[in-house]
PDB file of N, CA and C in Angstrom:
ATOM      1  N   MET A   1       0.847  -1.173   0.000  1.00  0.00           N
ATOM      2  CA  MET A   1       0.000   0.000   0.000  1.00  0.00           C
ATOM      3  C   MET A   1       0.894   1.238   0.000  1.00  0.00           C
ATOM      4  N   LEU A   2       0.563   2.188  -0.857  1.00  0.00           N
ATOM      5  CA  LEU A   2       1.329   3.417  -0.943  1.00  0.00           C
ATOM      6  C   LEU A   2       0.951   4.363   0.179  1.00  0.00           C
ATOM      7  N   LYS A   3       1.912   5.149   0.621  1.00  0.00           N
ATOM      8  CA  LYS A   3       1.641   6.150   1.628  1.00  0.00           C
ATOM      9  C   LYS A   3       0.867   7.300   0.998  1.00  0.00           C
ATOM     10  N   LYS A   4       0.236   8.090   1.838  1.00  0.00           N
ATOM     11  CA  LYS A   4      -0.607   9.203   1.380  1.00  0.00           C
ATOM     12  C   LYS A   4       0.128  10.114   0.388  1.00  0.00           C
ATOM     13  N   TYR A   5       1.341  10.530   0.725  1.00  0.00           N
ATOM     14  CA  TYR A   5       2.098  11.415  -0.149  1.00  0.00           C
ATOM     15  C   TYR A   5       2.363  10.750  -1.502  1.00  0.00           C
ATOM     16  N   GLU A   6       2.758   9.483  -1.492  1.00  0.00           N
ATOM     17  CA  GLU A   6       3.033   8.769  -2.733  1.00  0.00           C
ATOM     18  C   GLU A   6       1.783   8.652  -3.596  1.00  0.00           C
ATOM     19  N   THR A   7       0.647   8.442  -2.944  1.00  0.00           N
ATOM     20  CA  THR A   7      -0.618   8.344  -3.671  1.00  0.00           C
ATOM     21  C   THR A   7      -0.947   9.669  -4.336  1.00  0.00           C
ATOM     22  N   LEU A   8      -0.853  10.754  -3.595  1.00  0.00           N
ATOM     23  CA  LEU A   8      -1.134  12.082  -4.156  1.00  0.00           C
ATOM     24  C   LEU A   8      -0.167  12.425  -5.288  1.00  0.00           C
ATOM     25  N   LYS A   9       1.095  12.075  -5.114  1.00  0.00           N
ATOM     26  CA  LYS A   9       2.095  12.325  -6.153  1.00  0.00           C
ATOM     27  C   LYS A   9       1.765  11.538  -7.425  1.00  0.00           C
ATOM     28  N   ARG A  10       1.355  10.295  -7.250  1.00  0.00           N
ATOM     29  CA  ARG A  10       1.024   9.475  -8.417  1.00  0.00           C
ATOM     30  C   ARG A  10      -0.183  10.037  -9.156  1.00  0.00           C
ATOM     31  N   ILE A  11      -1.190  10.479  -8.424  1.00  0.00           N
ATOM     32  CA  ILE A  11      -2.367  11.076  -9.057  1.00  0.00           C
ATOM     33  C   ILE A  11      -1.956  12.324  -9.837  1.00  0.00           C
ATOM     34  N   GLU A  12      -1.122  13.151  -9.235  1.00  0.00           N
ATOM     35  CA  GLU A  12      -0.657  14.373  -9.907  1.00  0.00           C
ATOM     36  C   GLU A  12       0.130  14.032 -11.170  1.00  0.00           C
ATOM     37  N   GLU A  13       0.994  13.045 -11.097  1.00  0.00           N
ATOM     38  CA  GLU A  13       1.804  12.656 -12.259  1.00  0.00           C
ATOM     39  C   GLU A  13       0.953  12.075 -13.381  1.00  0.00           C
ATOM     40  N   GLU A  14      -0.003  11.243 -13.040  1.00  0.00           N
ATOM     41  CA  GLU A  14      -0.823  10.574 -14.054  1.00  0.00           C
ATOM     42  C   GLU A  14      -1.834  11.525 -14.693  1.00  0.00           C
ATOM     43  N   LYS A  15      -2.302  12.499 -13.937  1.00  0.00           N
ATOM     44  CA  LYS A  15      -3.240  13.514 -14.419  1.00  0.00           C
ATOM     45  C   LYS A  15      -4.592  12.943 -14.864  1.00  0.00           C
ATOM     46  N   MET A  16      -4.861  11.698 -14.479  1.00  0.00           N
ATOM     47  CA  MET A  16      -6.136  11.093 -14.834  1.00  0.00           C
ATOM     48  C   MET A  16      -6.514  10.056 -13.785  1.00  0.00           C
ATOM     49  N   VAL A  17      -7.786  10.070 -13.409  1.00  0.00           N
ATOM     50  CA  VAL A  17      -8.325   9.046 -12.520  1.00  0.00           C
ATOM     51  C   VAL A  17      -9.548   8.459 -13.216  1.00  0.00           C
ATOM     52  N   ALA A  18      -9.493   7.189 -13.531  1.00  0.00           N
ATOM     53  CA  ALA A  18     -10.657   6.519 -14.116  1.00  0.00           C
ATOM     54  C   ALA A  18     -11.589   6.127 -12.976  1.00  0.00           C
ATOM     55  N   ILE A  19     -12.878   6.257 -13.206  1.00  0.00           N
ATOM     56  CA  ILE A  19     -13.867   5.893 -12.195  1.00  0.00           C
ATOM     57  C   ILE A  19     -14.713   4.747 -12.734  1.00  0.00           C
ATOM     58  N   VAL A  20     -14.736   3.653 -11.981  1.00  0.00           N
ATOM     59  CA  VAL A  20     -15.515   2.476 -12.373  1.00  0.00           C
ATOM     60  C   VAL A  20     -16.794   2.469 -11.549  1.00  0.00           C
ATOM     61  N   ARG A  21     -17.913   2.569 -12.257  1.00  0.00           N
ATOM     62  CA  ARG A  21     -19.235   2.527 -11.620  1.00  0.00           C
ATOM     63  C   ARG A  21     -20.110   1.631 -12.501  1.00  0.00           C
ATOM     64  N   VAL A  22     -20.235   0.386 -12.093  1.00  0.00           N
ATOM     65  CA  VAL A  22     -21.034  -0.592 -12.834  1.00  0.00           C
ATOM     66  C   VAL A  22     -21.962  -1.300 -11.862  1.00  0.00           C
ATOM     67  N   ASP A  23     -22.784  -2.206 -12.385  1.00  0.00           N
ATOM     68  CA  ASP A  23     -23.801  -2.820 -11.529  1.00  0.00           C
ATOM     69  C   ASP A  23     -23.437  -4.195 -10.977  1.00  0.00           C
ATOM     70  N   ASP A  24     -22.242  -4.715 -11.305  1.00  0.00           N
ATOM     71  CA  ASP A  24     -21.839  -5.971 -10.668  1.00  0.00           C
ATOM     72  C   ASP A  24     -20.320  -6.118 -10.645  1.00  0.00           C
ATOM     73  N   ALA A  25     -19.861  -6.995  -9.769  1.00  0.00           N
ATOM     74  CA  ALA A  25     -18.430  -7.168  -9.514  1.00  0.00           C
ATOM     75  C   ALA A  25     -17.684  -7.706 -10.731  1.00  0.00           C
ATOM     76  N   GLU A  26     -18.309  -8.587 -11.482  1.00  0.00           N
ATOM     77  CA  GLU A  26     -17.651  -9.154 -12.662  1.00  0.00           C
ATOM     78  C   GLU A  26     -17.340  -8.070 -13.688  1.00  0.00           C
ATOM     79  N   LYS A  27     -18.295  -7.192 -13.930  1.00  0.00           N
ATOM     80  CA  LYS A  27     -18.064  -6.082 -14.855  1.00  0.00           C
ATOM     81  C   LYS A  27     -16.975  -5.158 -14.324  1.00  0.00           C
ATOM     82  N   ALA A  28     -16.965  -4.936 -13.022  1.00  0.00           N
ATOM     83  CA  ALA A  28     -15.950  -4.071 -12.422  1.00  0.00           C
ATOM     84  C   ALA A  28     -14.555  -4.629 -12.673  1.00  0.00           C
ATOM     85  N   GLU A  29     -14.382  -5.925 -12.453  1.00  0.00           N
ATOM     86  CA  GLU A  29     -13.068  -6.525 -12.668  1.00  0.00           C
ATOM     87  C   GLU A  29     -12.655  -6.439 -14.130  1.00  0.00           C
ATOM     88  N   LYS A  30     -13.591  -6.645 -15.040  1.00  0.00           N
ATOM     89  CA  LYS A  30     -13.280  -6.520 -16.470  1.00  0.00           C
ATOM     90  C   LYS A  30     -12.865  -5.093 -16.818  1.00  0.00           C
ATOM     91  N   CYS A  31     -13.516  -4.120 -16.200  1.00  0.00           N
ATOM     92  CA  CYS A  31     -13.151  -2.720 -16.413  1.00  0.00           C
ATOM     93  C   CYS A  31     -11.730  -2.452 -15.919  1.00  0.00           C
ATOM     94  N   PHE A  32     -11.407  -2.945 -14.736  1.00  0.00           N
ATOM     95  CA  PHE A  32     -10.063  -2.760 -14.194  1.00  0.00           C
ATOM     96  C   PHE A  32      -9.025  -3.385 -15.109  1.00  0.00           C
ATOM     97  N   ASP A  33      -9.304  -4.590 -15.592  1.00  0.00           N
ATOM     98  CA  ASP A  33      -8.365  -5.268 -16.487  1.00  0.00           C
ATOM     99  C   ASP A  33      -8.146  -4.453 -17.757  1.00  0.00           C
ATOM    100  N   ALA A  34      -9.222  -3.957 -18.351  1.00  0.00           N
ATOM    101  CA  ALA A  34      -9.118  -3.179 -19.586  1.00  0.00           C
ATOM    102  C   ALA A  34      -8.386  -1.859 -19.353  1.00  0.00           C
ATOM    103  N   LEU A  35      -8.711  -1.189 -18.256  1.00  0.00           N
ATOM    104  CA  LEU A  35      -8.046   0.080 -17.948  1.00  0.00           C
ATOM    105  C   LEU A  35      -6.548  -0.130 -17.709  1.00  0.00           C
ATOM    106  N   GLN A  36      -6.204  -1.189 -16.996  1.00  0.00           N
ATOM    107  CA  GLN A  36      -4.797  -1.483 -16.739  1.00  0.00           C
ATOM    108  C   GLN A  36      -4.070  -1.779 -18.041  1.00  0.00           C
ATOM    109  N   LYS A  37      -4.683  -2.557 -18.905  1.00  0.00           N
ATOM    110  CA  LYS A  37      -4.066  -2.867 -20.204  1.00  0.00           C
ATOM    111  C   LYS A  37      -3.909  -1.606 -21.046  1.00  0.00           C
ATOM    112  N   GLY A  38      -4.812  -0.653 -20.860  1.00  0.00           N
ATOM    113  CA  GLY A  38      -4.752   0.613 -21.590  1.00  0.00           C
ATOM    114  C   GLY A  38      -3.790   1.628 -20.983  1.00  0.00           C
ATOM    115  N   GLY A  39      -3.148   1.251 -19.884  1.00  0.00           N
ATOM    116  CA  GLY A  39      -2.132   2.117 -19.306  1.00  0.00           C
ATOM    117  C   GLY A  39      -2.605   3.049 -18.202  1.00  0.00           C
ATOM    118  N   ILE A  40      -3.854   2.899 -17.769  1.00  0.00           N
ATOM    119  CA  ILE A  40      -4.370   3.737 -16.683  1.00  0.00           C
ATOM    120  C   ILE A  40      -3.813   3.205 -15.366  1.00  0.00           C
ATOM    121  N   LYS A  41      -3.273   4.105 -14.547  1.00  0.00           N
ATOM    122  CA  LYS A  41      -2.613   3.674 -13.316  1.00  0.00           C
ATOM    123  C   LYS A  41      -3.294   4.146 -12.049  1.00  0.00           C
ATOM    124  N   VAL A  42      -4.360   4.943 -12.173  1.00  0.00           N
ATOM    125  CA  VAL A  42      -5.111   5.401 -11.006  1.00  0.00           C
ATOM    126  C   VAL A  42      -6.593   5.162 -11.295  1.00  0.00           C
ATOM    127  N   ILE A  43      -7.223   4.309 -10.491  1.00  0.00           N
ATOM    128  CA  ILE A  43      -8.617   3.937 -10.728  1.00  0.00           C
ATOM    129  C   ILE A  43      -9.391   3.999  -9.417  1.00  0.00           C
ATOM    130  N   GLU A  44     -10.553   4.598  -9.480  1.00  0.00           N
ATOM    131  CA  GLU A  44     -11.456   4.640  -8.327  1.00  0.00           C
ATOM    132  C   GLU A  44     -12.618   3.696  -8.594  1.00  0.00           C
ATOM    133  N   MET A  45     -12.970   2.915  -7.588  1.00  0.00           N
ATOM    134  CA  MET A  45     -14.139   2.049  -7.675  1.00  0.00           C
ATOM    135  C   MET A  45     -15.184   2.578  -6.700  1.00  0.00           C
ATOM    136  N   THR A  46     -16.394   2.784  -7.195  1.00  0.00           N
ATOM    137  CA  THR A  46     -17.440   3.316  -6.338  1.00  0.00           C
ATOM    138  C   THR A  46     -17.991   2.226  -5.421  1.00  0.00           C
ATOM    139  N   PHE A  47     -18.431   2.649  -4.259  1.00  0.00           N
ATOM    140  CA  PHE A  47     -19.017   1.712  -3.311  1.00  0.00           C
ATOM    141  C   PHE A  47     -20.472   1.394  -3.660  1.00  0.00           C
ATOM    142  N   THR A  48     -20.930   1.829  -4.814  1.00  0.00           N
ATOM    143  CA  THR A  48     -22.255   1.430  -5.289  1.00  0.00           C
ATOM    144  C   THR A  48     -22.209   0.046  -5.937  1.00  0.00           C
ATOM    145  N   ILE A  49     -21.006  -0.445  -6.202  1.00  0.00           N
ATOM    146  CA  ILE A  49     -20.836  -1.781  -6.792  1.00  0.00           C
ATOM    147  C   ILE A  49     -21.044  -2.816  -5.693  1.00  0.00           C
ATOM    148  N   PRO A  50     -21.900  -3.815  -5.944  1.00  0.00           N
ATOM    149  CA  PRO A  50     -22.075  -4.873  -4.939  1.00  0.00           C
ATOM    150  C   PRO A  50     -20.737  -5.538  -4.604  1.00  0.00           C
ATOM    151  N   TYR A  51     -20.518  -5.789  -3.323  1.00  0.00           N
ATOM    152  CA  TYR A  51     -19.293  -6.427  -2.830  1.00  0.00           C
ATOM    153  C   TYR A  51     -18.039  -5.584  -3.113  1.00  0.00           C
ATOM    154  N   ALA A  52     -18.195  -4.274  -3.140  1.00  0.00           N
ATOM    155  CA  ALA A  52     -17.073  -3.379  -3.437  1.00  0.00           C
ATOM    156  C   ALA A  52     -15.911  -3.598  -2.468  1.00  0.00           C
ATOM    157  N   HIS A  53     -16.219  -3.823  -1.206  1.00  0.00           N
ATOM    158  CA  HIS A  53     -15.140  -4.021  -0.223  1.00  0.00           C
ATOM    159  C   HIS A  53     -14.298  -5.246  -0.561  1.00  0.00           C
ATOM    160  N   THR A  54     -14.917  -6.309  -1.001  1.00  0.00           N
ATOM    161  CA  THR A  54     -14.186  -7.517  -1.394  1.00  0.00           C
ATOM    162  C   THR A  54     -13.405  -7.266  -2.677  1.00  0.00           C
ATOM    163  N   MET A  55     -14.027  -6.558  -3.602  1.00  0.00           N
ATOM    164  CA  MET A  55     -13.352  -6.231  -4.861  1.00  0.00           C
ATOM    165  C   MET A  55     -12.106  -5.385  -4.606  1.00  0.00           C
ATOM    166  N   LEU A  56     -12.218  -4.394  -3.721  1.00  0.00           N
ATOM    167  CA  LEU A  56     -11.058  -3.554  -3.404  1.00  0.00           C
ATOM    168  C   LEU A  56      -9.904  -4.398  -2.890  1.00  0.00           C
ATOM    169  N   GLU A  57     -10.210  -5.310  -1.999  1.00  0.00           N
ATOM    170  CA  GLU A  57      -9.174  -6.173  -1.437  1.00  0.00           C
ATOM    171  C   GLU A  57      -8.546  -7.059  -2.517  1.00  0.00           C
ATOM    172  N   ASN A  58      -9.391  -7.699  -3.323  1.00  0.00           N
ATOM    173  CA  ASN A  58      -8.893  -8.609  -4.358  1.00  0.00           C
ATOM    174  C   ASN A  58      -8.090  -7.881  -5.432  1.00  0.00           C
ATOM    175  N   LEU A  59      -8.607  -6.735  -5.888  1.00  0.00           N
ATOM    176  CA  LEU A  59      -7.911  -5.998  -6.943  1.00  0.00           C
ATOM    177  C   LEU A  59      -6.613  -5.374  -6.431  1.00  0.00           C
ATOM    178  N   SER A  60      -6.598  -4.970  -5.171  1.00  0.00           N
ATOM    179  CA  SER A  60      -5.360  -4.438  -4.594  1.00  0.00           C
ATOM    180  C   SER A  60      -4.270  -5.511  -4.572  1.00  0.00           C
ATOM    181  N   LYS A  61      -4.641  -6.726  -4.266  1.00  0.00           N
ATOM    182  CA  LYS A  61      -3.679  -7.831  -4.287  1.00  0.00           C
ATOM    183  C   LYS A  61      -3.254  -8.149  -5.719  1.00  0.00           C
ATOM    184  N   LYS A  62      -4.220  -8.170  -6.620  1.00  0.00           N
ATOM    185  CA  LYS A  62      -3.952  -8.522  -8.017  1.00  0.00           C
ATOM    186  C   LYS A  62      -2.997  -7.533  -8.676  1.00  0.00           C
ATOM    187  N   TYR A  63      -3.221  -6.248  -8.430  1.00  0.00           N
ATOM    188  CA  TYR A  63      -2.430  -5.221  -9.110  1.00  0.00           C
ATOM    189  C   TYR A  63      -1.335  -4.608  -8.259  1.00  0.00           C
ATOM    190  N   LYS A  64      -1.243  -5.000  -6.994  1.00  0.00           N
ATOM    191  CA  LYS A  64      -0.218  -4.509  -6.063  1.00  0.00           C
ATOM    192  C   LYS A  64       0.064  -3.038  -6.308  1.00  0.00           C
ATOM    193  N   ASN A  65       1.273  -2.681  -6.734  1.00  0.00           N
ATOM    194  CA  ASN A  65       1.605  -1.276  -6.953  1.00  0.00           C
ATOM    195  C   ASN A  65       1.510  -0.852  -8.417  1.00  0.00           C
ATOM    196  N   GLU A  66       0.952  -1.714  -9.271  1.00  0.00           N
ATOM    197  CA  GLU A  66       0.753  -1.350 -10.671  1.00  0.00           C
ATOM    198  C   GLU A  66      -0.307  -0.262 -10.815  1.00  0.00           C
ATOM    199  N   ILE A  67      -1.350  -0.382 -10.009  1.00  0.00           N
ATOM    200  CA  ILE A  67      -2.480   0.560 -10.071  1.00  0.00           C
ATOM    201  C   ILE A  67      -2.705   1.108  -8.668  1.00  0.00           C
ATOM    202  N   THR A  68      -2.940   2.412  -8.595  1.00  0.00           N
ATOM    203  CA  THR A  68      -3.382   3.017  -7.346  1.00  0.00           C
ATOM    204  C   THR A  68      -4.906   2.942  -7.361  1.00  0.00           C
ATOM    205  N   ILE A  69      -5.472   2.266  -6.384  1.00  0.00           N
ATOM    206  CA  ILE A  69      -6.917   2.020  -6.350  1.00  0.00           C
ATOM    207  C   ILE A  69      -7.536   2.820  -5.212  1.00  0.00           C
ATOM    208  N   GLY A  70      -8.592   3.545  -5.558  1.00  0.00           N
ATOM    209  CA  GLY A  70      -9.301   4.337  -4.562  1.00  0.00           C
ATOM    210  C   GLY A  70     -10.748   3.901  -4.440  1.00  0.00           C
ATOM    211  N   ALA A  71     -11.361   4.322  -3.360  1.00  0.00           N
ATOM    212  CA  ALA A  71     -12.771   4.019  -3.106  1.00  0.00           C
ATOM    213  C   ALA A  71     -13.573   5.301  -3.255  1.00  0.00           C
ATOM    214  N   GLY A  72     -14.653   5.226  -3.995  1.00  0.00           N
ATOM    215  CA  GLY A  72     -15.511   6.387  -4.190  1.00  0.00           C
ATOM    216  C   GLY A  72     -16.907   6.128  -3.662  1.00  0.00           C
ATOM    217  N   THR A  73     -17.707   7.173  -3.626  1.00  0.00           N
ATOM    218  CA  THR A  73     -19.063   7.123  -3.096  1.00  0.00           C
ATOM    219  C   THR A  73     -19.041   6.593  -1.663  1.00  0.00           C
ATOM    220  N   VAL A  74     -18.103   7.101  -0.892  1.00  0.00           N
ATOM    221  CA  VAL A  74     -17.994   6.762   0.524  1.00  0.00           C
ATOM    222  C   VAL A  74     -18.755   7.845   1.275  1.00  0.00           C
ATOM    223  N   LEU A  75     -19.912   7.475   1.790  1.00  0.00           N
ATOM    224  CA  LEU A  75     -20.832   8.466   2.347  1.00  0.00           C
ATOM    225  C   LEU A  75     -20.926   8.470   3.863  1.00  0.00           C
ATOM    226  N   ASP A  76     -20.250   7.525   4.525  1.00  0.00           N
ATOM    227  CA  ASP A  76     -20.322   7.499   5.982  1.00  0.00           C
ATOM    228  C   ASP A  76     -19.039   6.908   6.557  1.00  0.00           C
ATOM    229  N   SER A  77     -18.864   7.070   7.860  1.00  0.00           N
ATOM    230  CA  SER A  77     -17.629   6.624   8.506  1.00  0.00           C
ATOM    231  C   SER A  77     -17.467   5.102   8.472  1.00  0.00           C
ATOM    232  N   GLU A  78     -18.551   4.381   8.541  1.00  0.00           N
ATOM    233  CA  GLU A  78     -18.461   2.917   8.488  1.00  0.00           C
ATOM    234  C   GLU A  78     -17.905   2.454   7.154  1.00  0.00           C
ATOM    235  N   THR A  79     -18.400   3.015   6.066  1.00  0.00           N
ATOM    236  CA  THR A  79     -17.904   2.668   4.740  1.00  0.00           C
ATOM    237  C   THR A  79     -16.439   3.082   4.588  1.00  0.00           C
ATOM    238  N   ALA A  80     -16.079   4.220   5.142  1.00  0.00           N
ATOM    239  CA  ALA A  80     -14.683   4.677   5.086  1.00  0.00           C
ATOM    240  C   ALA A  80     -13.761   3.688   5.777  1.00  0.00           C
ATOM    241  N   ARG A  81     -14.178   3.195   6.945  1.00  0.00           N
ATOM    242  CA  ARG A  81     -13.370   2.200   7.663  1.00  0.00           C
ATOM    243  C   ARG A  81     -13.232   0.918   6.841  1.00  0.00           C
ATOM    244  N   ILE A  82     -14.305   0.505   6.219  1.00  0.00           N
ATOM    245  CA  ILE A  82     -14.261  -0.704   5.385  1.00  0.00           C
ATOM    246  C   ILE A  82     -13.309  -0.492   4.214  1.00  0.00           C
ATOM    247  N   ALA A  83     -13.371   0.667   3.597  1.00  0.00           N
ATOM    248  CA  ALA A  83     -12.531   0.959   2.430  1.00  0.00           C
ATOM    249  C   ALA A  83     -11.053   0.961   2.791  1.00  0.00           C
ATOM    250  N   MET A  84     -10.726   1.425   3.987  1.00  0.00           N
ATOM    251  CA  MET A  84      -9.316   1.473   4.398  1.00  0.00           C
ATOM    252  C   MET A  84      -8.806   0.071   4.669  1.00  0.00           C
TER     253      MET A  84
END
């Protein structure tokens, strides 16, 4: 996991954050795969995706430091804790 400063630096360098907002986990993973193949290195996944917390964990392991992955549509402290 990257430190806060490293994450902010990477976002600034890449100048683009892709946002994945789909209706199921399988589509989300396919989106991440396509974005990664296309060279996108900063991707946010919204918490509107079913099982987003599990997806965040799995995709973080899959892509390690290749992609900086963020959580979006975090509307309360409980969801924020889950995302971290």
